[in-house]
Amino acid sequence: MLVKENETKFIWQYGFGQAATADTCSEITLDCIIDDFSNQPSEKPYWFQLDEGDTLFSITRDPYDIKDILSPDGFEPKMGTIEAQITDAGDVTPGEIPTQVVLNFGYFQINNT
């Protein structure tokens, strides 16, 4: 659900009992296609072979143009990145691929923009 910007109500990080008015989303389904042969040896582990606490990818809080990211000069985000880490690797049987992945993004808005 998208809320109009002028109707957004942010809350202070420690504003216990306050209710924010903001965009929300839940239970988004993404279909993924794996085009690797995961049963073949690889130099690096596949994402589903990582251990709890390992970094899966990094996220920036600012949007970037894909041309900047793919630039041959390299890419350096304006702000720091947040590492997305595996918190529960679960039990993956060797040679099998997980059929469900859950991503949880938790955040709070610190101002009205």
C-alpha atoms as a PDB file:
ATOM      1  CA  MET A   1       0.000   0.000   0.000  1.00  0.00           C
ATOM      2  CA  LEU A   2       1.401   3.396  -0.981  1.00  0.00           C
ATOM      3  CA  VAL A   3       0.665   6.495   1.113  1.00  0.00           C
ATOM      4  CA  LYS A   4       0.775   9.990  -0.383  1.00  0.00           C
ATOM      5  CA  GLU A   5       3.913  11.822   0.729  1.00  0.00           C
ATOM      6  CA  ASN A   6       1.955  14.643   2.407  1.00  0.00           C
ATOM      7  CA  GLU A   7       0.006  12.046   4.448  1.00  0.00           C
ATOM      8  CA  THR A   8       3.142  10.257   5.695  1.00  0.00           C
ATOM      9  CA  LYS A   9       3.596  10.401   9.460  1.00  0.00           C
ATOM     10  CA  PHE A  10       6.980   9.287  10.705  1.00  0.00           C
ATOM     11  CA  ILE A  11       7.719   8.404  14.304  1.00  0.00           C
ATOM     12  CA  TRP A  12      10.787   8.838  16.434  1.00  0.00           C
ATOM     13  CA  GLN A  13      12.899   5.712  16.809  1.00  0.00           C
ATOM     14  CA  TYR A  14      11.996   5.513  20.493  1.00  0.00           C
ATOM     15  CA  GLY A  15       8.399   6.710  20.088  1.00  0.00           C
ATOM     16  CA  PHE A  16       6.848   3.748  21.873  1.00  0.00           C
ATOM     17  CA  GLY A  17       3.119   3.525  21.358  1.00  0.00           C
ATOM     18  CA  GLN A  18       3.124   5.848  18.350  1.00  0.00           C
ATOM     19  CA  ALA A  19       1.736   4.671  15.022  1.00  0.00           C
ATOM     20  CA  ALA A  20       3.393   5.594  11.734  1.00  0.00           C
ATOM     21  CA  THR A  21       1.546   6.228   8.495  1.00  0.00           C
ATOM     22  CA  ALA A  22       3.755   4.993   5.674  1.00  0.00           C
ATOM     23  CA  ASP A  23       4.051   2.686   2.687  1.00  0.00           C
ATOM     24  CA  THR A  24       3.746  -0.995   3.481  1.00  0.00           C
ATOM     25  CA  CYS A  25       4.134  -4.262   1.640  1.00  0.00           C
ATOM     26  CA  SER A  26       4.074  -7.888   2.632  1.00  0.00           C
ATOM     27  CA  GLU A  27       4.122 -11.365   1.166  1.00  0.00           C
ATOM     28  CA  ILE A  28       5.683 -10.411  -2.154  1.00  0.00           C
ATOM     29  CA  THR A  29       6.456 -13.436  -4.301  1.00  0.00           C
ATOM     30  CA  LEU A  30       9.390 -13.416  -6.707  1.00  0.00           C
ATOM     31  CA  ASP A  31      10.029 -16.236  -9.127  1.00  0.00           C
ATOM     32  CA  CYS A  32      13.692 -17.072  -9.551  1.00  0.00           C
ATOM     33  CA  ILE A  33      15.483 -19.110 -12.177  1.00  0.00           C
ATOM     34  CA  ILE A  34      18.767 -20.790 -11.354  1.00  0.00           C
ATOM     35  CA  ASP A  35      20.933 -21.167 -14.438  1.00  0.00           C
ATOM     36  CA  ASP A  36      23.954 -22.711 -12.699  1.00  0.00           C
ATOM     37  CA  PHE A  37      24.776 -26.337 -12.266  1.00  0.00           C
ATOM     38  CA  SER A  38      24.922 -26.350  -8.486  1.00  0.00           C
ATOM     39  CA  ASN A  39      25.983 -29.981  -8.353  1.00  0.00           C
ATOM     40  CA  GLN A  40      29.280 -29.077 -10.055  1.00  0.00           C
ATOM     41  CA  PRO A  41      32.342 -27.885  -8.099  1.00  0.00           C
ATOM     42  CA  SER A  42      32.670 -24.111  -7.869  1.00  0.00           C
ATOM     43  CA  GLU A  43      35.467 -21.756  -6.758  1.00  0.00           C
ATOM     44  CA  LYS A  44      33.091 -19.996  -4.377  1.00  0.00           C
ATOM     45  CA  PRO A  45      30.183 -21.420  -2.412  1.00  0.00           C
ATOM     46  CA  TYR A  46      26.677 -20.989  -3.742  1.00  0.00           C
ATOM     47  CA  TRP A  47      24.435 -18.671  -1.726  1.00  0.00           C
ATOM     48  CA  PHE A  48      22.598 -21.595  -0.151  1.00  0.00           C
ATOM     49  CA  GLN A  49      25.898 -23.093   1.023  1.00  0.00           C
ATOM     50  CA  LEU A  50      26.816 -20.067   3.150  1.00  0.00           C
ATOM     51  CA  ASP A  51      26.888 -20.292   6.925  1.00  0.00           C
ATOM     52  CA  GLU A  52      24.900 -18.279   9.444  1.00  0.00           C
ATOM     53  CA  GLY A  53      26.489 -14.830   9.788  1.00  0.00           C
ATOM     54  CA  ASP A  54      27.999 -14.818   6.280  1.00  0.00           C
ATOM     55  CA  THR A  55      27.257 -11.786   4.100  1.00  0.00           C
ATOM     56  CA  LEU A  56      24.904 -12.589   1.221  1.00  0.00           C
ATOM     57  CA  PHE A  57      24.859  -9.124  -0.377  1.00  0.00           C
ATOM     58  CA  SER A  58      25.030  -5.441   0.532  1.00  0.00           C
ATOM     59  CA  ILE A  59      22.296  -2.806   0.350  1.00  0.00           C
ATOM     60  CA  THR A  60      22.566   0.969   0.001  1.00  0.00           C
ATOM     61  CA  ARG A  61      19.922   3.387   1.177  1.00  0.00           C
ATOM     62  CA  ASP A  62      20.203   5.503  -1.970  1.00  0.00           C
ATOM     63  CA  PRO A  63      19.130   4.489  -5.492  1.00  0.00           C
ATOM     64  CA  TYR A  64      21.833   4.315  -8.166  1.00  0.00           C
ATOM     65  CA  ASP A  65      21.796   4.236 -11.927  1.00  0.00           C
ATOM     66  CA  ILE A  66      22.879   0.850 -13.285  1.00  0.00           C
ATOM     67  CA  LYS A  67      25.370   2.638 -15.595  1.00  0.00           C
ATOM     68  CA  ASP A  68      27.214   3.931 -12.498  1.00  0.00           C
ATOM     69  CA  ILE A  69      27.275   0.509 -10.878  1.00  0.00           C
ATOM     70  CA  LEU A  70      28.628  -1.177 -14.020  1.00  0.00           C
ATOM     71  CA  SER A  71      31.150   1.588 -14.728  1.00  0.00           C
ATOM     72  CA  PRO A  72      34.665   0.351 -15.605  1.00  0.00           C
ATOM     73  CA  ASP A  73      35.974   3.027 -13.200  1.00  0.00           C
ATOM     74  CA  GLY A  74      34.471   1.109 -10.297  1.00  0.00           C
ATOM     75  CA  PHE A  75      31.539   1.922  -8.061  1.00  0.00           C
ATOM     76  CA  GLU A  76      31.640   3.520  -4.630  1.00  0.00           C
ATOM     77  CA  PRO A  77      28.313   4.258  -2.902  1.00  0.00           C
ATOM     78  CA  LYS A  78      27.807   7.804  -1.560  1.00  0.00           C
ATOM     79  CA  MET A  79      26.806   6.426   1.819  1.00  0.00           C
ATOM     80  CA  GLY A  80      27.815   3.256   3.599  1.00  0.00           C
ATOM     81  CA  THR A  81      26.250  -0.065   2.815  1.00  0.00           C
ATOM     82  CA  ILE A  82      24.356  -2.444   5.045  1.00  0.00           C
ATOM     83  CA  GLU A  83      25.333  -6.084   4.871  1.00  0.00           C
ATOM     84  CA  ALA A  84      22.538  -8.615   4.465  1.00  0.00           C
ATOM     85  CA  GLN A  85      23.583 -11.622   6.474  1.00  0.00           C
ATOM     86  CA  ILE A  86      22.295 -15.158   6.725  1.00  0.00           C
ATOM     87  CA  THR A  87      20.513 -15.501  10.060  1.00  0.00           C
ATOM     88  CA  ASP A  88      19.197 -19.038   9.689  1.00  0.00           C
ATOM     89  CA  ALA A  89      20.817 -21.209   7.069  1.00  0.00           C
ATOM     90  CA  GLY A  90      18.478 -24.096   7.872  1.00  0.00           C
ATOM     91  CA  ASP A  91      19.239 -27.627   6.859  1.00  0.00           C
ATOM     92  CA  VAL A  92      20.222 -27.944   3.229  1.00  0.00           C
ATOM     93  CA  THR A  93      20.939 -31.475   2.079  1.00  0.00           C
ATOM     94  CA  PRO A  94      24.095 -31.593  -0.057  1.00  0.00           C
ATOM     95  CA  GLY A  95      23.158 -31.666  -3.736  1.00  0.00           C
ATOM     96  CA  GLU A  96      19.749 -30.106  -3.141  1.00  0.00           C
ATOM     97  CA  ILE A  97      18.616 -26.508  -3.629  1.00  0.00           C
ATOM     98  CA  PRO A  98      16.343 -24.700  -1.154  1.00  0.00           C
ATOM     99  CA  THR A  99      12.849 -24.041  -2.436  1.00  0.00           C
ATOM    100  CA  GLN A 100      12.024 -21.091  -0.168  1.00  0.00           C
ATOM    101  CA  VAL A 101      13.978 -17.989   0.797  1.00  0.00           C
ATOM    102  CA  VAL A 102      12.643 -15.329   3.170  1.00  0.00           C
ATOM    103  CA  LEU A 103      13.997 -11.773   3.156  1.00  0.00           C
ATOM    104  CA  ASN A 104      13.014  -9.447   5.988  1.00  0.00           C
ATOM    105  CA  PHE A 105      13.781  -5.746   5.682  1.00  0.00           C
ATOM    106  CA  GLY A 106      13.310  -3.872   8.941  1.00  0.00           C
ATOM    107  CA  TYR A 107      13.765  -0.127   9.106  1.00  0.00           C
ATOM    108  CA  PHE A 108      12.384   3.075  10.558  1.00  0.00           C
ATOM    109  CA  GLN A 109      12.023   6.431   8.876  1.00  0.00           C
ATOM    110  CA  ILE A 110      13.925   9.216  10.614  1.00  0.00           C
ATOM    111  CA  ASN A 111      12.309  12.200   8.879  1.00  0.00           C
ATOM    112  CA  ASN A 112       9.407  12.957   6.583  1.00  0.00           C
ATOM    113  CA  THR A 113      11.402  12.635   3.374  1.00  0.00           C
END
